[in-house]
Amino acid sequence: MAGMDASNKQSVAVKGKRFLKETKSELKKVTWPTKEQLIHNTGVVIVFIIVFTIILSLLDFGFQELFSWFTNILG
């Protein structure tokens, strides 16, 4: 690293500038969702999380009771 000269550092700066310019260009090509699509998709995600949380909670409770039942029988 100590052997890097000014031309190497400049090329890193040029590469960084080109990267940022290309990134900005790519972001302009993105099709961004409308406000309605964003609200709908957010609602779908929230409902999915709630349903999945309920399912996992029921499974957790069931396995807890099953384990408790086994430990009482064997205990």
Protein backbone atom coordinates (compact mmCIF):
# COMPACT_ATOMS: atom_id res chain seq x y z
CA MET A 1 0.00 0.00 0.00
CA ALA A 2 2.83 2.39 0.72
CA GLY A 3 4.08 1.98 -2.84
CA MET A 4 0.95 3.50 -4.40
CA ASP A 5 1.74 6.55 -6.48
CA ALA A 6 -0.47 9.50 -7.45
CA SER A 7 -1.64 7.89 -10.71
CA ASN A 8 -2.94 4.87 -8.84
CA LYS A 9 -4.82 7.05 -6.37
CA GLN A 10 -6.26 9.07 -9.23
CA SER A 11 -7.46 5.95 -10.97
CA VAL A 12 -9.22 4.89 -7.75
CA ALA A 13 -10.90 8.29 -7.56
CA VAL A 14 -11.89 8.10 -11.24
CA LYS A 15 -13.25 4.58 -10.75
CA GLY A 16 -15.26 5.73 -7.74
CA LYS A 17 -16.69 8.70 -9.64
CA ARG A 18 -17.61 6.46 -12.60
CA PHE A 19 -19.25 3.96 -10.25
CA LEU A 20 -21.42 6.67 -8.66
CA LYS A 21 -22.36 8.07 -12.09
CA GLU A 22 -23.38 4.60 -13.35
CA THR A 23 -25.32 3.92 -10.16
CA LYS A 24 -27.27 7.15 -10.58
CA SER A 25 -27.97 6.23 -14.19
CA GLU A 26 -29.28 2.77 -13.21
CA LEU A 27 -31.53 4.22 -10.50
CA LYS A 28 -33.20 6.40 -13.15
CA LYS A 29 -34.17 3.22 -15.04
CA VAL A 30 -35.99 1.72 -12.05
CA THR A 31 -39.77 1.54 -12.24
CA TRP A 32 -40.80 2.81 -8.82
CA PRO A 33 -44.17 1.68 -7.39
CA THR A 34 -47.06 4.11 -7.16
CA LYS A 35 -48.36 5.21 -3.78
CA GLU A 36 -51.31 2.82 -4.09
CA GLN A 37 -49.07 -0.13 -4.96
CA LEU A 38 -46.79 0.70 -2.05
CA ILE A 39 -49.69 0.87 0.41
CA HIS A 40 -51.17 -2.40 -0.92
CA ASN A 41 -47.86 -4.27 -0.79
CA THR A 42 -47.15 -2.97 2.71
CA GLY A 43 -50.56 -4.22 3.83
CA VAL A 44 -49.89 -7.64 2.32
CA VAL A 45 -46.58 -7.89 4.16
CA ILE A 46 -48.12 -6.83 7.48
CA VAL A 47 -50.97 -9.37 7.14
CA PHE A 48 -48.48 -12.12 6.23
CA ILE A 49 -46.36 -11.29 9.30
CA ILE A 50 -49.41 -11.36 11.59
CA VAL A 51 -50.62 -14.72 10.20
CA PHE A 52 -47.15 -16.24 10.38
CA THR A 53 -46.70 -14.97 13.95
CA ILE A 54 -50.00 -16.57 15.01
CA ILE A 55 -49.04 -19.90 13.38
CA LEU A 56 -45.61 -19.94 15.04
CA SER A 57 -47.08 -18.97 18.41
CA LEU A 58 -49.59 -21.83 18.23
CA LEU A 59 -46.85 -24.29 17.26
CA ASP A 60 -44.67 -23.03 20.11
CA PHE A 61 -47.50 -23.39 22.60
CA GLY A 62 -48.33 -26.88 21.30
CA PHE A 63 -44.74 -28.13 21.51
CA GLN A 64 -44.39 -26.59 24.97
CA GLU A 65 -47.47 -28.46 26.19
CA LEU A 66 -46.32 -31.68 24.51
CA PHE A 67 -42.89 -31.43 26.12
CA SER A 68 -44.47 -30.63 29.47
CA TRP A 69 -46.72 -33.69 29.14
CA PHE A 70 -43.75 -35.95 28.31
CA THR A 71 -41.67 -34.66 31.23
CA ASN A 72 -44.58 -35.26 33.62
CA ILE A 73 -45.01 -38.83 32.38
CA LEU A 74 -41.29 -39.64 32.51
CA GLY A 75 -40.50 -37.46 35.50
